[in-house]
PDB file of all heavy atoms in Angstrom:
ATOM      1  N   GLY A   1       5.135   0.448   2.319  1.00  0.00           N
ATOM      2  CA  GLY A   1       3.685   0.285   2.315  1.00  0.00           C
ATOM      3  C   GLY A   1       3.161  -0.191   3.660  1.00  0.00           C
ATOM      4  O   GLY A   1       2.152   0.330   4.166  1.00  0.00           O
ATOM      5  N   LEU A   2       3.842  -1.157   4.268  1.00  0.00           N
ATOM      6  CA  LEU A   2       3.419  -1.660   5.569  1.00  0.00           C
ATOM      7  C   LEU A   2       3.478  -0.565   6.630  1.00  0.00           C
ATOM      8  O   LEU A   2       2.571  -0.427   7.463  1.00  0.00           O
ATOM      9  CB  LEU A   2       4.291  -2.841   5.988  1.00  0.00           C
ATOM     10  CG  LEU A   2       4.122  -4.132   5.181  1.00  0.00           C
ATOM     11  CD1 LEU A   2       5.129  -5.183   5.650  1.00  0.00           C
ATOM     12  CD2 LEU A   2       2.695  -4.671   5.309  1.00  0.00           C
ATOM     13  N   ARG A   3       4.542   0.240   6.598  1.00  0.00           N
ATOM     14  CA  ARG A   3       4.682   1.330   7.571  1.00  0.00           C
ATOM     15  C   ARG A   3       3.580   2.371   7.395  1.00  0.00           C
ATOM     16  O   ARG A   3       3.013   2.865   8.380  1.00  0.00           O
ATOM     17  CB  ARG A   3       6.050   1.989   7.417  1.00  0.00           C
ATOM     18  CG  ARG A   3       7.206   1.153   7.936  1.00  0.00           C
ATOM     19  CD  ARG A   3       8.546   1.690   7.479  1.00  0.00           C
ATOM     20  NE  ARG A   3       8.735   3.100   7.800  1.00  0.00           N
ATOM     21  CZ  ARG A   3       9.719   3.842   7.300  1.00  0.00           C
ATOM     22  NH1 ARG A   3      10.584   3.310   6.442  1.00  0.00           N
ATOM     23  NH2 ARG A   3       9.829   5.114   7.651  1.00  0.00           N
ATOM     24  N   LEU A   4       3.269   2.707   6.163  1.00  0.00           N
ATOM     25  CA  LEU A   4       2.265   3.740   5.913  1.00  0.00           C
ATOM     26  C   LEU A   4       0.854   3.239   6.227  1.00  0.00           C
ATOM     27  O   LEU A   4       0.017   4.008   6.720  1.00  0.00           O
ATOM     28  CB  LEU A   4       2.361   4.209   4.459  1.00  0.00           C
ATOM     29  CG  LEU A   4       3.665   4.944   4.120  1.00  0.00           C
ATOM     30  CD1 LEU A   4       3.789   5.162   2.619  1.00  0.00           C
ATOM     31  CD2 LEU A   4       3.736   6.279   4.862  1.00  0.00           C
ATOM     32  N   ILE A   5       0.599   1.974   5.964  1.00  0.00           N
ATOM     33  CA  ILE A   5      -0.704   1.395   6.330  1.00  0.00           C
ATOM     34  C   ILE A   5      -0.874   1.435   7.844  1.00  0.00           C
ATOM     35  O   ILE A   5      -1.934   1.798   8.370  1.00  0.00           O
ATOM     36  CB  ILE A   5      -0.815  -0.045   5.791  1.00  0.00           C
ATOM     37  CG1 ILE A   5      -0.947  -0.029   4.261  1.00  0.00           C
ATOM     38  CG2 ILE A   5      -2.008  -0.766   6.425  1.00  0.00           C
ATOM     39  CD1 ILE A   5      -0.812  -1.392   3.611  1.00  0.00           C
ATOM     40  N   GLU A   6       0.188   1.082   8.560  1.00  0.00           N
ATOM     41  CA  GLU A   6       0.147   1.117  10.028  1.00  0.00           C
ATOM     42  C   GLU A   6      -0.083   2.542  10.529  1.00  0.00           C
ATOM     43  O   GLU A   6      -0.718   2.759  11.576  1.00  0.00           O
ATOM     44  CB  GLU A   6       1.451   0.558  10.601  1.00  0.00           C
ATOM     45  CG  GLU A   6       1.448   0.425  12.114  1.00  0.00           C
ATOM     46  CD  GLU A   6       2.724  -0.204  12.639  1.00  0.00           C
ATOM     47  OE1 GLU A   6       3.571  -0.621  11.821  1.00  0.00           O
ATOM     48  OE2 GLU A   6       2.880  -0.276  13.877  1.00  0.00           O
ATOM     49  N   ALA A   7       0.429   3.542   9.783  1.00  0.00           N
ATOM     50  CA  ALA A   7       0.258   4.944  10.180  1.00  0.00           C
ATOM     51  C   ALA A   7      -1.120   5.488   9.824  1.00  0.00           C
ATOM     52  O   ALA A   7      -1.407   6.661  10.082  1.00  0.00           O
ATOM     53  CB  ALA A   7       1.334   5.797   9.523  1.00  0.00           C
ATOM     54  N   GLY A   8      -1.947   4.657   9.197  1.00  0.00           N
ATOM     55  CA  GLY A   8      -3.316   5.074   8.897  1.00  0.00           C
ATOM     56  C   GLY A   8      -3.522   5.681   7.530  1.00  0.00           C
ATOM     57  O   GLY A   8      -4.543   6.337   7.286  1.00  0.00           O
ATOM     58  N   ALA A   9      -2.575   5.480   6.612  1.00  0.00           N
ATOM     59  CA  ALA A   9      -2.744   6.008   5.261  1.00  0.00           C
ATOM     60  C   ALA A   9      -3.875   5.276   4.551  1.00  0.00           C
ATOM     61  O   ALA A   9      -3.988   4.048   4.640  1.00  0.00           O
ATOM     62  CB  ALA A   9      -1.445   5.857   4.475  1.00  0.00           C
ATOM     63  N   THR A  10      -4.707   6.023   3.854  1.00  0.00           N
ATOM     64  CA  THR A  10      -5.731   5.413   2.997  1.00  0.00           C
ATOM     65  C   THR A  10      -5.300   5.436   1.534  1.00  0.00           C
ATOM     66  O   THR A  10      -5.965   4.860   0.680  1.00  0.00           O
ATOM     67  CB  THR A  10      -7.071   6.153   3.132  1.00  0.00           C
ATOM     68  OG1 THR A  10      -6.906   7.509   2.684  1.00  0.00           O
ATOM     69  CG2 THR A  10      -7.547   6.150   4.575  1.00  0.00           C
ATOM     70  N   ALA A  11      -4.185   6.128   1.259  1.00  0.00           N
ATOM     71  CA  ALA A  11      -3.642   6.206  -0.098  1.00  0.00           C
ATOM     72  C   ALA A  11      -2.134   6.402  -0.004  1.00  0.00           C
ATOM     73  O   ALA A  11      -1.637   7.012   0.952  1.00  0.00           O
ATOM     74  CB  ALA A  11      -4.273   7.353  -0.881  1.00  0.00           C
ATOM     75  N   VAL A  12      -1.409   5.895  -0.999  1.00  0.00           N
ATOM     76  CA  VAL A  12       0.055   5.989  -1.001  1.00  0.00           C
ATOM     77  C   VAL A  12       0.535   6.407  -2.379  1.00  0.00           C
ATOM     78  O   VAL A  12       0.114   5.840  -3.399  1.00  0.00           O
ATOM     79  CB  VAL A  12       0.714   4.640  -0.623  1.00  0.00           C
ATOM     80  CG1 VAL A  12       2.235   4.713  -0.804  1.00  0.00           C
ATOM     81  CG2 VAL A  12       0.378   4.257   0.809  1.00  0.00           C
ATOM     82  N   VAL A  13       1.416   7.408  -2.404  1.00  0.00           N
ATOM     83  CA  VAL A  13       2.129   7.801  -3.618  1.00  0.00           C
ATOM     84  C   VAL A  13       3.509   7.162  -3.546  1.00  0.00           C
ATOM     85  O   VAL A  13       4.251   7.392  -2.581  1.00  0.00           O
ATOM     86  CB  VAL A  13       2.269   9.331  -3.717  1.00  0.00           C
ATOM     87  CG1 VAL A  13       3.052   9.716  -4.972  1.00  0.00           C
ATOM     88  CG2 VAL A  13       0.904   9.997  -3.703  1.00  0.00           C
ATOM     89  N   ALA A  14       3.863   6.362  -4.537  1.00  0.00           N
ATOM     90  CA  ALA A  14       5.156   5.669  -4.538  1.00  0.00           C
ATOM     91  C   ALA A  14       6.131   6.361  -5.484  1.00  0.00           C
ATOM     92  O   ALA A  14       5.717   6.986  -6.468  1.00  0.00           O
ATOM     93  CB  ALA A  14       4.980   4.210  -4.946  1.00  0.00           C
ATOM     94  N   GLY A  15       7.424   6.224  -5.197  1.00  0.00           N
ATOM     95  CA  GLY A  15       8.450   6.893  -5.981  1.00  0.00           C
ATOM     96  C   GLY A  15       8.728   6.263  -7.326  1.00  0.00           C
ATOM     97  O   GLY A  15       9.436   6.848  -8.151  1.00  0.00           O
ATOM     98  N   SER A  16       8.199   5.075  -7.577  1.00  0.00           N
ATOM     99  CA  SER A  16       8.363   4.415  -8.876  1.00  0.00           C
ATOM    100  C   SER A  16       7.263   3.372  -9.016  1.00  0.00           C
ATOM    101  O   SER A  16       6.625   2.979  -8.032  1.00  0.00           O
ATOM    102  CB  SER A  16       9.738   3.747  -8.998  1.00  0.00           C
ATOM    103  OG  SER A  16       9.825   2.609  -8.151  1.00  0.00           O
ATOM    104  N   ASP A  17       7.056   2.902 -10.234  1.00  0.00           N
ATOM    105  CA  ASP A  17       6.077   1.832 -10.444  1.00  0.00           C
ATOM    106  C   ASP A  17       6.503   0.561  -9.724  1.00  0.00           C
ATOM    107  O   ASP A  17       5.670  -0.185  -9.194  1.00  0.00           O
ATOM    108  CB  ASP A  17       5.925   1.543 -11.935  1.00  0.00           C
ATOM    109  CG  ASP A  17       5.210   2.659 -12.683  1.00  0.00           C
ATOM    110  OD1 ASP A  17       4.573   3.501 -12.023  1.00  0.00           O
ATOM    111  OD2 ASP A  17       5.319   2.699 -13.929  1.00  0.00           O
ATOM    112  N   LEU A  18       7.802   0.286  -9.705  1.00  0.00           N
ATOM    113  CA  LEU A  18       8.306  -0.907  -9.025  1.00  0.00           C
ATOM    114  C   LEU A  18       7.988  -0.836  -7.537  1.00  0.00           C
ATOM    115  O   LEU A  18       7.543  -1.821  -6.932  1.00  0.00           O
ATOM    116  CB  LEU A  18       9.817  -1.024  -9.250  1.00  0.00           C
ATOM    117  CG  LEU A  18      10.465  -2.376  -8.955  1.00  0.00           C
ATOM    118  CD1 LEU A  18       9.877  -3.464  -9.842  1.00  0.00           C
ATOM    119  CD2 LEU A  18      11.977  -2.284  -9.164  1.00  0.00           C
ATOM    120  N   MET A  19       8.209   0.327  -6.930  1.00  0.00           N
ATOM    121  CA  MET A  19       7.861   0.510  -5.523  1.00  0.00           C
ATOM    122  C   MET A  19       6.357   0.357  -5.318  1.00  0.00           C
ATOM    123  O   MET A  19       5.907  -0.214  -4.316  1.00  0.00           O
ATOM    124  CB  MET A  19       8.320   1.884  -5.045  1.00  0.00           C
ATOM    125  CG  MET A  19       9.817   2.058  -4.978  1.00  0.00           C
ATOM    126  SD  MET A  19      10.265   3.769  -4.592  1.00  0.00           S
ATOM    127  CE  MET A  19       9.735   3.864  -2.882  1.00  0.00           C
ATOM    128  N   ALA A  20       5.572   0.863  -6.253  1.00  0.00           N
ATOM    129  CA  ALA A  20       4.118   0.777  -6.134  1.00  0.00           C
ATOM    130  C   ALA A  20       3.652  -0.679  -6.120  1.00  0.00           C
ATOM    131  O   ALA A  20       2.701  -1.028  -5.400  1.00  0.00           O
ATOM    132  CB  ALA A  20       3.444   1.535  -7.276  1.00  0.00           C
ATOM    133  N   LEU A  21       4.315  -1.539  -6.890  1.00  0.00           N
ATOM    134  CA  LEU A  21       3.969  -2.965  -6.848  1.00  0.00           C
ATOM    135  C   LEU A  21       4.229  -3.529  -5.460  1.00  0.00           C
ATOM    136  O   LEU A  21       3.489  -4.392  -4.965  1.00  0.00           O
ATOM    137  CB  LEU A  21       4.775  -3.735  -7.896  1.00  0.00           C
ATOM    138  CG  LEU A  21       4.482  -3.419  -9.365  1.00  0.00           C
ATOM    139  CD1 LEU A  21       5.263  -4.366 -10.274  1.00  0.00           C
ATOM    140  CD2 LEU A  21       2.989  -3.530  -9.666  1.00  0.00           C
ATOM    141  N   GLY A  22       5.317  -3.059  -4.825  1.00  0.00           N
ATOM    142  CA  GLY A  22       5.590  -3.478  -3.450  1.00  0.00           C
ATOM    143  C   GLY A  22       4.501  -2.998  -2.496  1.00  0.00           C
ATOM    144  O   GLY A  22       4.114  -3.710  -1.567  1.00  0.00           O
ATOM    145  N   VAL A  23       3.990  -1.784  -2.703  1.00  0.00           N
ATOM    146  CA  VAL A  23       2.895  -1.269  -1.868  1.00  0.00           C
ATOM    147  C   VAL A  23       1.631  -2.101  -2.085  1.00  0.00           C
ATOM    148  O   VAL A  23       0.901  -2.397  -1.126  1.00  0.00           O
ATOM    149  CB  VAL A  23       2.627   0.220  -2.189  1.00  0.00           C
ATOM    150  CG1 VAL A  23       1.423   0.729  -1.388  1.00  0.00           C
ATOM    151  CG2 VAL A  23       3.856   1.065  -1.875  1.00  0.00           C
ATOM    152  N   LEU A  24       1.357  -2.511  -3.318  1.00  0.00           N
ATOM    153  CA  LEU A  24       0.218  -3.387  -3.591  1.00  0.00           C
ATOM    154  C   LEU A  24       0.348  -4.696  -2.824  1.00  0.00           C
ATOM    155  O   LEU A  24      -0.632  -5.206  -2.257  1.00  0.00           O
ATOM    156  CB  LEU A  24       0.104  -3.667  -5.086  1.00  0.00           C
ATOM    157  CG  LEU A  24      -0.289  -2.512  -6.013  1.00  0.00           C
ATOM    158  CD1 LEU A  24      -0.301  -2.970  -7.466  1.00  0.00           C
ATOM    159  CD2 LEU A  24      -1.647  -1.944  -5.626  1.00  0.00           C
ATOM    160  N   ALA A  25       1.563  -5.240  -2.774  1.00  0.00           N
ATOM    161  CA  ALA A  25       1.797  -6.479  -2.027  1.00  0.00           C
ATOM    162  C   ALA A  25       1.566  -6.255  -0.536  1.00  0.00           C
ATOM    163  O   ALA A  25       1.026  -7.126   0.167  1.00  0.00           O
ATOM    164  CB  ALA A  25       3.221  -6.976  -2.274  1.00  0.00           C
ATOM    165  N   ALA A  26       1.977  -5.079  -0.024  1.00  0.00           N
ATOM    166  CA  ALA A  26       1.752  -4.755   1.385  1.00  0.00           C
ATOM    167  C   ALA A  26       0.257  -4.681   1.686  1.00  0.00           C
ATOM    168  O   ALA A  26      -0.202  -5.121   2.752  1.00  0.00           O
ATOM    169  CB  ALA A  26       2.441  -3.443   1.734  1.00  0.00           C
ATOM    170  N   ALA A  27      -0.512  -4.104   0.763  1.00  0.00           N
ATOM    171  CA  ALA A  27      -1.962  -4.017   0.951  1.00  0.00           C
ATOM    172  C   ALA A  27      -2.582  -5.407   1.027  1.00  0.00           C
ATOM    173  O   ALA A  27      -3.446  -5.682   1.883  1.00  0.00           O
ATOM    174  CB  ALA A  27      -2.585  -3.203  -0.176  1.00  0.00           C
ATOM    175  N   ARG A  28      -2.150  -6.301   0.143  1.00  0.00           N
ATOM    176  CA  ARG A  28      -2.672  -7.668   0.175  1.00  0.00           C
ATOM    177  C   ARG A  28      -2.317  -8.339   1.498  1.00  0.00           C
ATOM    178  O   ARG A  28      -3.143  -9.035   2.087  1.00  0.00           O
ATOM    179  CB  ARG A  28      -2.113  -8.478  -1.001  1.00  0.00           C
ATOM    180  CG  ARG A  28      -2.741  -8.124  -2.347  1.00  0.00           C
ATOM    181  CD  ARG A  28      -2.385  -9.137  -3.420  1.00  0.00           C
ATOM    182  NE  ARG A  28      -0.961  -9.105  -3.728  1.00  0.00           N
ATOM    183  CZ  ARG A  28      -0.421  -8.344  -4.668  1.00  0.00           C
ATOM    184  NH1 ARG A  28      -1.187  -7.518  -5.366  1.00  0.00           N
ATOM    185  NH2 ARG A  28       0.871  -8.388  -4.902  1.00  0.00           N
ATOM    186  N   GLN A  29      -1.081  -8.134   1.954  1.00  0.00           N
ATOM    187  CA  GLN A  29      -0.649  -8.729   3.214  1.00  0.00           C
ATOM    188  C   GLN A  29      -1.487  -8.218   4.380  1.00  0.00           C
ATOM    189  O   GLN A  29      -1.781  -8.946   5.325  1.00  0.00           O
ATOM    190  CB  GLN A  29       0.827  -8.424   3.464  1.00  0.00           C
ATOM    191  CG  GLN A  29       1.384  -9.049   4.729  1.00  0.00           C
ATOM    192  CD  GLN A  29       2.887  -8.789   4.871  1.00  0.00           C
ATOM    193  OE1 GLN A  29       3.603  -8.694   3.877  1.00  0.00           O
ATOM    194  NE2 GLN A  29       3.361  -8.686   6.107  1.00  0.00           N
ATOM    195  N   ALA A  30      -1.864  -6.935   4.323  1.00  0.00           N
ATOM    196  CA  ALA A  30      -2.658  -6.336   5.390  1.00  0.00           C
ATOM    197  C   ALA A  30      -4.158  -6.606   5.233  1.00  0.00           C
ATOM    198  O   ALA A  30      -4.954  -6.165   6.058  1.00  0.00           O
ATOM    199  CB  ALA A  30      -2.407  -4.830   5.427  1.00  0.00           C
ATOM    200  N   GLY A  31      -4.523  -7.320   4.164  1.00  0.00           N
ATOM    201  CA  GLY A  31      -5.933  -7.632   3.943  1.00  0.00           C
ATOM    202  C   GLY A  31      -6.751  -6.465   3.436  1.00  0.00           C
ATOM    203  O   GLY A  31      -7.975  -6.428   3.616  1.00  0.00           O
ATOM    204  N   LEU A  32      -6.087  -5.509   2.788  1.00  0.00           N
ATOM    205  CA  LEU A  32      -6.778  -4.328   2.282  1.00  0.00           C
ATOM    206  C   LEU A  32      -6.994  -4.450   0.775  1.00  0.00           C
ATOM    207  O   LEU A  32      -6.036  -4.631   0.019  1.00  0.00           O
ATOM    208  CB  LEU A  32      -5.957  -3.064   2.559  1.00  0.00           C
ATOM    209  CG  LEU A  32      -5.758  -2.673   4.018  1.00  0.00           C
ATOM    210  CD1 LEU A  32      -4.830  -1.470   4.107  1.00  0.00           C
ATOM    211  CD2 LEU A  32      -7.090  -2.372   4.689  1.00  0.00           C
ATOM    212  N   PRO A  33      -8.234  -4.347   0.317  1.00  0.00           N
ATOM    213  CA  PRO A  33      -8.454  -4.344  -1.143  1.00  0.00           C
ATOM    214  C   PRO A  33      -7.964  -3.035  -1.743  1.00  0.00           C
ATOM    215  O   PRO A  33      -7.942  -1.993  -1.078  1.00  0.00           O
ATOM    216  CB  PRO A  33      -9.968  -4.467  -1.270  1.00  0.00           C
ATOM    217  CG  PRO A  33     -10.502  -3.875  -0.004  1.00  0.00           C
ATOM    218  CD  PRO A  33      -9.499  -4.199   1.071  1.00  0.00           C
ATOM    219  N   VAL A  34      -7.557  -3.106  -2.999  1.00  0.00           N
ATOM    220  CA  VAL A  34      -7.120  -1.917  -3.738  1.00  0.00           C
ATOM    221  C   VAL A  34      -8.084  -1.735  -4.905  1.00  0.00           C
ATOM    222  O   VAL A  34      -8.267  -2.645  -5.707  1.00  0.00           O
ATOM    223  CB  VAL A  34      -5.676  -2.088  -4.256  1.00  0.00           C
ATOM    224  CG1 VAL A  34      -5.259  -0.890  -5.107  1.00  0.00           C
ATOM    225  CG2 VAL A  34      -4.703  -2.250  -3.084  1.00  0.00           C
ATOM    226  N   PRO A  35      -8.758  -0.567  -4.973  1.00  0.00           N
ATOM    227  CA  PRO A  35      -8.536   0.656  -4.189  1.00  0.00           C
ATOM    228  C   PRO A  35      -9.453   0.828  -2.985  1.00  0.00           C
ATOM    229  O   PRO A  35      -9.364   1.855  -2.306  1.00  0.00           O
ATOM    230  CB  PRO A  35      -8.814   1.745  -5.213  1.00  0.00           C
ATOM    231  CG  PRO A  35      -9.937   1.187  -6.034  1.00  0.00           C
ATOM    232  CD  PRO A  35      -9.657  -0.299  -6.136  1.00  0.00           C
ATOM    233  N   GLY A  36     -10.352  -0.131  -2.700  1.00  0.00           N
ATOM    234  CA  GLY A  36     -11.327   0.055  -1.635  1.00  0.00           C
ATOM    235  C   GLY A  36     -10.727   0.294  -0.268  1.00  0.00           C
ATOM    236  O   GLY A  36     -11.224   1.107   0.506  1.00  0.00           O
ATOM    237  N   GLY A  37      -9.611  -0.413   0.031  1.00  0.00           N
ATOM    238  CA  GLY A  37      -8.966  -0.239   1.326  1.00  0.00           C
ATOM    239  C   GLY A  37      -7.734   0.635   1.270  1.00  0.00           C
ATOM    240  O   GLY A  37      -7.362   1.261   2.268  1.00  0.00           O
TER     241      GLY A  37
END
């Protein structure tokens, strides 16, 4: 999630729900609201 946010992704498809929770944590770390950011 951190790598994709840095690459300018506005949306991420994760390979599992568990991975998606990790992407949500990355968004919070980057200060991005979900789904607004």
